[in-house]
Each structure stands twice: as C-alpha cells, then as structure tokens.
C-alpha cells in the first residue's frame, strides 16, 4: 500500500530534508535521528533536541505537520523532547506560521520517495 510505504531510512536524506524545511526558523534546536545522527539548526547551541525513534515518524510528521499530530506523536512515544520544553513550544508555534515554498515541498517530496 502506497500510504504505508516508508522511504529509505538514510539519515543523510532525512538530515537534508530537515535542514531544507527548518533552516529559516529563528531558533537553535536539533533533531536526533533513529540512528543517532544529530541535525543541528541555528547558530547557537541547541536549546532542545527532538528525538525521532523511527523513519516512519519523520514521514508522518512531514505529511501532517500540525500541532495536533506532533502532540499525538509525542504522547505515543514516537518522539521525545530533550532540553527546554518551553523553547520547543515556541518553535512549534513558529512552525505553524512556516510557509514552505512549493518548489521546496516538491524537492522534499522527491527526496522522500527517491529509491
């Protein structure tokens, strides 16, 4: 089934996607991927780290980046947040306002589903 397909678990591909989407946010934070790869964003030391436990989690969050989906993913234990939870909530609010250009969305989609 296409909806349940998980792209390659390449952490390099995931890091590229995360940098492409979140680089413009005015905050310093990080993602830790399922294989331990750290993806740091911002000019300063990260105030918090979002820990993604599986590639499928990243796909789900990219397909539906809503605060509700993020919260459900957190409650389900598919992600953890280490560090300053209040800073993470500030970034979550900024993500709601994030406008990703169509060209970037198409490039990310191609990267996600590339063989």
Protein backbone atom coordinates (compact mmCIF):
# COMPACT_ATOMS: atom_id res chain seq x y z
CA UNK A 1 0.00 0.00 0.00
CA UNK A 2 1.44 3.37 -1.01
CA UNK A 3 0.27 5.22 2.12
CA UNK A 4 2.30 2.95 4.38
CA UNK A 5 5.48 2.99 2.30
CA UNK A 6 8.49 4.19 4.25
CA UNK A 7 11.27 5.84 2.30
CA UNK A 8 14.86 4.78 2.70
CA UNK A 9 15.96 5.14 6.30
CA UNK A 10 19.02 7.04 5.17
CA UNK A 11 19.82 9.50 7.88
CA UNK A 12 21.67 11.69 5.36
CA UNK A 13 18.48 12.04 3.34
CA UNK A 14 16.46 12.82 6.48
CA UNK A 15 19.03 15.40 7.62
CA UNK A 16 18.85 17.11 4.24
CA UNK A 17 15.06 17.28 4.43
CA UNK A 18 15.09 18.67 7.97
CA UNK A 19 17.65 21.35 7.08
CA UNK A 20 15.70 22.29 3.95
CA UNK A 21 12.46 22.81 5.84
CA UNK A 22 13.55 24.21 9.19
CA UNK A 23 16.68 26.25 8.37
CA UNK A 24 14.73 29.51 8.29
CA UNK A 25 13.41 29.29 11.83
CA UNK A 26 14.92 31.84 14.22
CA UNK A 27 15.84 29.31 16.89
CA UNK A 28 18.64 26.94 17.76
CA UNK A 29 17.49 23.35 18.19
CA UNK A 30 18.36 19.88 16.97
CA UNK A 31 16.93 16.61 15.79
CA UNK A 32 18.42 13.26 16.74
CA UNK A 33 17.56 10.60 14.21
CA UNK A 34 16.86 6.92 14.80
CA UNK A 35 20.50 6.01 14.17
CA UNK A 36 21.92 8.70 16.48
CA UNK A 37 22.68 11.26 13.77
CA UNK A 38 22.40 14.81 15.12
CA UNK A 39 20.95 17.53 12.88
CA UNK A 40 21.62 20.91 14.48
CA UNK A 41 19.79 24.02 13.31
CA UNK A 42 20.55 27.61 14.26
CA UNK A 43 23.72 29.48 15.08
CA UNK A 44 23.89 28.74 18.81
CA UNK A 45 23.88 25.61 20.94
CA UNK A 46 20.54 23.81 20.64
CA UNK A 47 18.09 24.66 23.41
CA UNK A 48 16.29 21.37 22.87
CA UNK A 49 16.50 18.21 20.78
CA UNK A 50 13.63 16.39 19.11
CA UNK A 51 14.46 12.67 19.13
CA UNK A 52 12.90 10.73 16.25
CA UNK A 53 12.81 7.00 17.00
CA UNK A 54 11.96 5.73 13.50
CA UNK A 55 11.97 6.89 9.87
CA UNK A 56 8.21 6.34 9.73
CA UNK A 57 7.79 9.04 12.38
CA UNK A 58 9.54 11.63 10.22
CA UNK A 59 7.37 10.72 7.24
CA UNK A 60 4.21 11.07 9.33
CA UNK A 61 5.23 14.46 10.69
CA UNK A 62 6.16 15.76 7.24
CA UNK A 63 2.87 14.56 5.76
CA UNK A 64 0.87 16.23 8.55
CA UNK A 65 2.96 18.89 10.33
CA UNK A 66 0.08 20.05 12.51
CA UNK A 67 0.49 20.73 16.24
CA UNK A 68 -2.10 18.01 16.92
CA UNK A 69 -0.12 15.37 15.01
CA UNK A 70 3.09 16.45 16.73
CA UNK A 71 1.41 16.22 20.15
CA UNK A 72 -0.05 12.79 19.37
CA UNK A 73 3.33 11.58 18.16
CA UNK A 74 4.90 12.81 21.41
CA UNK A 75 2.22 11.20 23.60
CA UNK A 76 2.55 7.92 21.64
CA UNK A 77 6.29 7.90 22.42
CA UNK A 78 7.38 8.07 18.77
CA UNK A 79 9.37 11.22 19.58
CA UNK A 80 10.97 12.63 22.70
CA UNK A 81 11.95 16.18 23.51
CA UNK A 82 15.16 16.66 25.47
CA UNK A 83 16.02 20.05 26.94
CA UNK A 84 13.94 23.21 27.20
CA UNK A 85 10.31 22.22 26.62
CA UNK A 86 9.19 25.86 26.59
CA UNK A 87 11.67 26.65 23.80
CA UNK A 88 10.29 23.66 21.91
CA UNK A 89 6.77 25.05 22.26
CA UNK A 90 7.97 28.42 20.90
CA UNK A 91 9.40 26.65 17.85
CA UNK A 92 6.16 24.66 17.45
CA UNK A 93 4.29 27.98 17.29
CA UNK A 94 6.75 29.28 14.68
CA UNK A 95 6.32 26.10 12.63
CA UNK A 96 2.58 26.82 12.42
CA UNK A 97 3.44 30.06 10.62
CA UNK A 98 6.13 28.47 8.43
CA UNK A 99 5.40 28.83 4.74
CA UNK A 100 7.38 26.28 2.74
CA UNK A 101 7.51 27.28 -0.94
CA UNK A 102 6.04 24.84 -3.45
CA UNK A 103 9.47 24.30 -5.04
CA UNK A 104 10.89 23.19 -1.69
CA UNK A 105 7.89 20.95 -0.95
CA UNK A 106 8.29 19.26 -4.34
CA UNK A 107 12.03 18.82 -3.83
CA UNK A 108 11.43 17.29 -0.37
CA UNK A 109 8.74 15.00 -1.76
CA UNK A 110 11.15 13.81 -4.46
CA UNK A 111 13.86 13.23 -1.86
CA UNK A 112 11.50 11.31 0.42
CA UNK A 113 10.38 8.89 -2.27
CA UNK A 114 13.63 8.54 -4.21
CA UNK A 115 14.79 4.98 -4.47
